[in-house]
Protein backbone atom coordinates (compact mmCIF):
# COMPACT_ATOMS: atom_id res chain seq x y z
CA MET A 1 0.00 0.00 0.00
CA ALA A 2 1.39 3.39 -1.02
CA GLY A 3 2.48 5.56 1.86
CA TYR A 4 2.45 2.73 4.41
CA ARG A 5 4.85 3.36 7.29
CA ARG A 6 6.11 0.37 9.24
CA GLN A 7 4.63 0.04 12.70
CA LEU A 8 6.88 -0.17 15.78
CA TYR A 9 5.89 -2.63 18.48
CA ARG A 10 7.51 -4.55 21.35
CA ASP A 11 7.39 -8.19 22.34
CA ASP A 12 9.58 -10.69 24.13
CA ALA A 13 10.74 -13.76 22.27
CA VAL A 14 12.85 -16.90 22.24
CA VAL A 15 15.47 -16.99 19.49
CA LEU A 16 14.99 -20.24 17.58
CA ARG A 17 17.39 -19.89 14.66
CA VAL A 18 19.76 -17.46 12.95
CA GLN A 19 20.77 -17.28 9.27
CA LYS A 20 23.35 -15.14 7.52
CA LEU A 21 22.06 -12.41 5.21
CA GLY A 22 24.50 -10.49 3.04
CA GLU A 23 27.82 -9.45 4.54
CA SER A 24 26.78 -8.20 7.96
CA ASP A 25 23.10 -8.97 8.58
CA ARG A 26 21.16 -11.94 9.91
CA ILE A 27 17.65 -13.28 9.64
CA ILE A 28 16.44 -14.22 13.13
CA THR A 29 13.61 -16.72 13.59
CA LEU A 30 11.70 -15.85 16.77
CA LEU A 31 8.93 -17.40 18.81
CA THR A 32 7.25 -14.41 20.42
CA ARG A 33 4.90 -14.25 23.35
CA ARG A 34 2.04 -12.36 21.66
CA HIS A 35 2.63 -12.66 17.91
CA GLY A 36 3.66 -16.27 17.37
CA ARG A 37 6.58 -17.17 15.13
CA LEU A 38 8.21 -14.31 13.25
CA ARG A 39 11.24 -13.80 11.05
CA ALA A 40 13.09 -10.53 11.42
CA VAL A 41 16.18 -8.92 9.94
CA ALA A 42 18.89 -7.75 12.34
CA ARG A 43 20.99 -5.20 10.47
CA GLY A 44 24.74 -5.17 11.03
CA VAL A 45 24.75 -7.71 13.86
CA ARG A 46 27.73 -9.59 12.41
CA ARG A 47 29.94 -6.51 12.67
CA THR A 48 32.24 -6.28 15.66
CA THR A 49 30.75 -2.86 16.44
CA SER A 50 27.18 -4.19 16.69
CA LYS A 51 25.40 -3.06 19.86
CA PHE A 52 23.12 -6.07 20.23
CA GLY A 53 24.51 -8.85 18.03
CA ALA A 54 25.50 -11.02 21.00
CA ARG A 55 21.96 -10.85 22.38
CA LEU A 56 20.47 -12.41 19.25
CA GLU A 57 22.01 -15.86 19.52
CA PRO A 58 19.96 -19.09 19.56
CA PHE A 59 18.08 -20.06 22.73
CA GLY A 60 18.11 -16.57 24.24
CA HIS A 61 15.10 -14.92 25.85
CA VAL A 62 15.08 -11.33 24.61
CA ASP A 63 12.92 -8.22 24.72
CA LEU A 64 12.64 -6.66 21.26
CA GLN A 65 11.43 -3.60 19.44
CA LEU A 66 10.40 -4.57 15.92
CA ALA A 67 9.34 -2.64 12.84
CA GLY A 68 6.67 -4.19 10.64
CA ASP A 69 3.04 -5.15 10.59
CA PRO A 70 2.44 -7.72 13.37
CA LYS A 71 -0.70 -8.94 11.55
CA GLY A 72 1.04 -9.30 8.20
CA ASN A 73 -1.47 -7.17 6.29
CA HIS A 74 1.08 -4.77 4.80
CA GLY A 75 4.63 -4.86 3.56
CA SER A 76 7.19 -7.65 3.73
CA SER A 77 6.82 -10.73 5.92
CA LEU A 78 10.29 -9.94 7.26
CA HIS A 79 10.28 -7.56 10.20
CA THR A 80 13.25 -5.46 11.32
CA ILE A 81 14.78 -5.55 14.79
CA SER A 82 15.58 -2.04 15.98
CA GLN A 83 16.30 -2.78 19.65
CA ALA A 84 17.19 -5.92 21.59
CA GLU A 85 17.64 -6.39 25.32
CA GLY A 86 18.67 -9.72 26.82
CA ILE A 87 16.36 -11.11 29.51
CA ASP A 88 18.19 -14.41 29.93
CA LEU A 89 20.67 -15.64 27.32
CA TYR A 90 20.53 -19.38 27.94
CA GLY A 91 22.66 -20.18 24.89
CA LYS A 92 25.80 -19.00 26.67
CA ARG A 93 25.36 -21.79 29.24
CA PHE A 94 25.10 -24.49 26.56
CA LEU A 95 28.17 -23.68 24.46
CA GLY A 96 30.52 -26.01 26.35
CA ASP A 97 27.95 -28.73 27.01
CA TYR A 98 27.21 -30.92 23.99
CA PRO A 99 24.21 -32.83 25.45
CA ARG A 100 22.44 -29.64 26.54
CA TYR A 101 23.27 -27.79 23.31
CA THR A 102 21.89 -30.55 21.09
CA ALA A 103 18.78 -30.91 23.27
CA ALA A 104 18.20 -27.15 23.06
CA SER A 105 18.63 -27.36 19.27
CA ALA A 106 15.98 -30.10 19.10
CA ILE A 107 13.63 -28.01 21.24
CA ALA A 108 14.10 -24.95 19.02
CA GLU A 109 13.60 -26.94 15.81
CA THR A 110 10.46 -28.60 17.21
CA ALA A 111 9.03 -25.21 18.24
CA GLU A 112 9.55 -23.94 14.71
CA ARG A 113 7.93 -27.01 13.18
CA LEU A 114 4.92 -26.82 15.52
CA THR A 115 4.21 -23.23 14.37
CA PRO A 116 3.82 -23.62 10.59
CA ILE A 117 1.86 -20.36 10.24
CA GLU A 118 3.74 -17.12 10.92
CA ARG A 119 2.20 -14.50 13.20
CA GLU A 120 -0.30 -16.97 14.67
CA PRO A 121 -0.19 -16.49 18.48
CA SER A 122 0.82 -19.59 20.43
CA LEU A 123 1.25 -18.51 24.03
CA ARG A 124 1.23 -22.03 25.50
CA LEU A 125 3.97 -23.21 23.16
CA PHE A 126 6.01 -20.08 23.90
CA GLN A 127 5.74 -20.71 27.64
CA LEU A 128 6.58 -24.38 27.19
CA THR A 129 9.64 -23.60 25.06
CA LEU A 130 10.90 -20.94 27.45
CA GLY A 131 10.39 -23.23 30.44
CA ALA A 132 12.20 -26.13 28.78
CA LEU A 133 15.24 -23.97 27.94
CA ARG A 134 15.26 -22.61 31.48
CA SER A 135 15.16 -26.14 32.89
CA LEU A 136 18.06 -27.17 30.65
CA ALA A 137 20.03 -24.14 31.82
CA THR A 138 19.49 -24.82 35.52
CA GLY A 139 20.24 -28.55 35.18
CA ASP A 140 17.55 -29.58 37.66
CA HIS A 141 16.71 -32.69 35.62
CA ALA A 142 18.45 -34.95 33.14
CA THR A 143 18.76 -33.42 29.69
CA THR A 144 16.92 -36.23 27.90
CA LEU A 145 14.03 -36.08 30.36
CA VAL A 146 13.56 -32.36 29.79
CA LEU A 147 13.65 -32.86 26.02
CA ASP A 148 11.19 -35.75 26.03
CA ALA A 149 8.84 -33.87 28.38
CA TYR A 150 8.92 -30.94 25.96
CA LEU A 151 8.21 -33.14 22.94
CA LEU A 152 5.32 -34.94 24.65
CA ARG A 153 3.69 -31.72 25.84
CA GLY A 154 4.31 -30.01 22.50
CA MET A 155 2.51 -32.88 20.77
CA ALA A 156 -0.34 -32.52 23.26
CA PHE A 157 -0.72 -28.86 22.27
CA ALA A 158 -0.77 -29.90 18.60
CA GLY A 159 -3.35 -32.63 19.26
CA TRP A 160 -0.93 -35.51 18.68
CA ALA A 161 -0.45 -36.77 22.24
CA PRO A 162 0.09 -40.55 22.28
CA ALA A 163 -2.63 -42.60 23.96
CA LEU A 164 -1.17 -44.08 27.16
CA THR A 165 -4.09 -44.95 29.44
CA ALA A 166 -6.54 -46.32 26.85
CA CYS A 167 -6.39 -48.08 23.50
CA ALA A 168 -5.65 -45.56 20.75
CA VAL A 169 -8.01 -47.37 18.35
CA CYS A 170 -11.08 -48.51 20.30
CA GLY A 171 -10.67 -46.49 23.50
CA THR A 172 -10.70 -49.46 25.86
CA PRO A 173 -9.24 -48.15 29.14
CA GLY A 174 -6.35 -49.95 30.74
CA ARG A 175 -2.60 -50.40 30.69
CA HIS A 176 -2.05 -52.06 27.33
CA ARG A 177 1.22 -53.78 26.54
CA ALA A 178 1.63 -52.91 22.84
CA PHE A 179 2.49 -49.50 21.38
CA SER A 180 1.91 -48.55 17.74
CA VAL A 181 3.08 -45.19 16.41
CA PRO A 182 0.81 -45.26 13.30
CA ALA A 183 -2.19 -46.22 15.49
CA GLY A 184 -1.53 -43.35 17.90
CA GLY A 185 -0.10 -44.97 21.03
CA ALA A 186 -0.92 -47.91 23.28
CA VAL A 187 -3.20 -50.51 21.71
CA CYS A 188 -5.18 -53.41 23.14
CA PRO A 189 -4.65 -57.02 21.96
CA ASP A 190 -7.71 -56.85 19.67
CA CYS A 191 -6.50 -53.69 17.89
CA ARG A 192 -2.76 -54.38 17.88
CA PRO A 193 -1.43 -54.01 14.30
CA PRO A 194 1.48 -56.07 12.93
CA GLY A 195 4.86 -54.66 13.93
CA ALA A 196 3.66 -52.96 17.10
CA ALA A 197 6.34 -52.42 19.73
CA HIS A 198 6.16 -53.97 23.21
CA PRO A 199 7.91 -51.51 25.53
CA ALA A 200 8.58 -52.24 29.17
CA PRO A 201 5.74 -51.12 31.47
CA ALA A 202 8.15 -48.67 33.09
CA THR A 203 8.68 -46.99 29.73
CA VAL A 204 4.99 -46.18 29.30
CA ASP A 205 4.89 -45.05 32.93
CA LEU A 206 7.78 -42.68 32.23
CA MET A 207 5.97 -41.22 29.23
CA SER A 208 2.93 -40.60 31.45
CA ALA A 209 5.10 -39.06 34.16
CA LEU A 210 6.76 -36.65 31.73
CA THR A 211 3.39 -35.64 30.31
CA THR A 212 1.86 -34.87 33.70
CA GLY A 213 4.96 -33.47 35.42
CA ASP A 214 5.67 -36.30 37.87
CA TRP A 215 9.39 -35.51 38.10
CA ALA A 216 9.89 -37.50 41.29
CA TYR A 217 9.12 -40.64 39.31
CA ALA A 218 10.92 -39.55 36.14
CA ASP A 219 14.16 -38.68 37.95
CA ALA A 220 14.24 -42.16 39.54
CA THR A 221 14.13 -44.07 36.24
CA GLU A 222 17.18 -45.81 34.81
CA THR A 223 19.04 -45.30 31.55
CA GLY A 224 17.48 -48.20 29.66
CA VAL A 225 13.95 -47.01 30.39
CA ARG A 226 14.82 -43.45 29.37
CA ARG A 227 16.37 -44.58 26.08
CA GLU A 228 13.36 -46.68 25.15
CA CYS A 229 11.06 -43.78 26.07
CA SER A 230 13.11 -41.40 23.90
CA GLY A 231 12.86 -43.75 20.94
CA LEU A 232 9.06 -43.98 21.16
CA VAL A 233 8.65 -40.23 21.67
CA ALA A 234 10.90 -39.37 18.71
CA ALA A 235 9.17 -41.89 16.44
CA HIS A 236 5.72 -40.60 17.42
CA LEU A 237 6.68 -36.96 16.84
CA GLN A 238 8.32 -37.50 13.47
CA TRP A 239 5.44 -39.66 12.26
CA HIS A 240 3.04 -36.77 12.79
CA LEU A 241 5.43 -34.15 11.44
CA GLU A 242 5.86 -36.37 8.34
CA ARG A 243 9.49 -35.33 8.26
CA ALA A 244 12.55 -36.08 10.37
CA LEU A 245 14.03 -33.49 12.69
CA ARG A 246 17.62 -32.80 11.70
CA SER A 247 18.80 -32.09 15.25
CA LEU A 248 17.16 -35.07 16.99
CA PRO A 249 19.69 -37.76 15.91
CA LEU A 250 22.50 -35.58 17.29
CA VAL A 251 21.13 -35.52 20.83
CA ASP A 252 23.40 -37.29 23.30
CA ARG A 253 21.20 -39.89 24.99
CA GLY A 254 23.97 -41.24 27.21
CA ALA A 255 25.70 -44.60 27.18
CA PRO A 256 23.48 -47.64 26.56
CA ALA A 257 22.50 -49.54 29.65
CA SER A 258 24.29 -52.78 30.41
CA GLY A 259 21.91 -55.30 28.91
CA ALA A 260 18.67 -54.77 27.10
CA VAL A 261 15.57 -53.38 28.70
CA PRO A 262 13.72 -56.38 30.19
CA PRO A 263 10.75 -57.77 28.31
CA PRO A 264 7.29 -56.54 29.32
CA GLY A 265 6.55 -59.61 31.40
CA GLY A 266 9.82 -59.73 33.27
CA ALA A 267 11.61 -57.78 35.94
CA GLY A 268 15.11 -56.47 36.05
CA PRO A 269 17.31 -53.40 36.33
CA GLY A 270 15.21 -51.40 33.83
CA VAL A 271 11.98 -51.74 35.82
CA VAL A 272 11.00 -49.17 38.42
CA PRO A 273 8.06 -49.30 40.82
CA PRO A 274 4.66 -48.35 39.37
CA ARG A 275 3.72 -44.71 39.48
CA THR A 276 1.68 -43.51 42.42
CA GLY A 277 0.83 -40.07 41.06
CA GLY A 278 2.30 -36.58 41.11
CA GLY A 279 2.06 -34.66 44.36
CA PRO A 280 3.14 -31.16 45.38
CA ALA A 281 6.74 -31.55 44.24
CA ALA A 282 5.70 -32.80 40.82
CA ALA A 283 3.22 -29.98 40.40
CA GLY A 284 5.89 -27.43 41.23
CA VAL A 285 8.27 -28.66 38.56
CA ASN A 286 5.39 -28.89 36.09
CA ARG A 287 4.87 -25.16 36.52
CA GLU A 288 8.58 -24.60 35.94
CA ILE A 289 8.47 -26.26 32.54
CA THR A 290 5.32 -24.49 31.33
CA GLU A 291 5.82 -21.13 32.97
């Protein structure tokens, strides 16, 4: 529209990704609190004299002034960053820690993939992403647990949560032994398709714990259970995305447990006591992740 002047507005955001543009600029992909996912140009941030280049690195929580139409009705889809103030630059804490850096990369890529439409507000996903990065930075829980909790809750927001307490096909309640990604989660014997997995009961319990925020249970699980849980969560997510995440195979899941996870009917080092529910401590950490 002739004579249109770009609007200035403020929002806080998580930096998901940065790309080079020209000799000194960058395109910054942001997940904002009020305006959803945006892409914005940061002019001159690759110059050594840049005033705010260091604040626009991946995984940072920043307060921004942007120029552009937040509704996308006028002008270019690319906004321009005119001011940037760091609220908490989590990326600096991950640079020397490969497991946390790769987990943060998977979180950022998932957030971008779960917001396919630009400028569509997604406050719950913003809060979830910010809380997951904060939890990685503080190190209160194992890196893989934080990542899997984020993926499970992100899928719940998107409507893809795996069925864990009832058959994904017929809805029969109960703790079913088979798990089918194409079917949507746990399946009963009558609905079990060929090739369905048979995870250890503790694995399904861990998935439930991460979904509801029962960190007391999740923190007590062993490596074999966590690895099997991660495999099911990753498979379920990528099935619904219909495309693999580039960062997910790079995540350091830790050394394999000594011996395979015990079969569903047996007991062994990979089995933990059945869940008894959340409680005050679990609820407190649940708020931390989604805050």
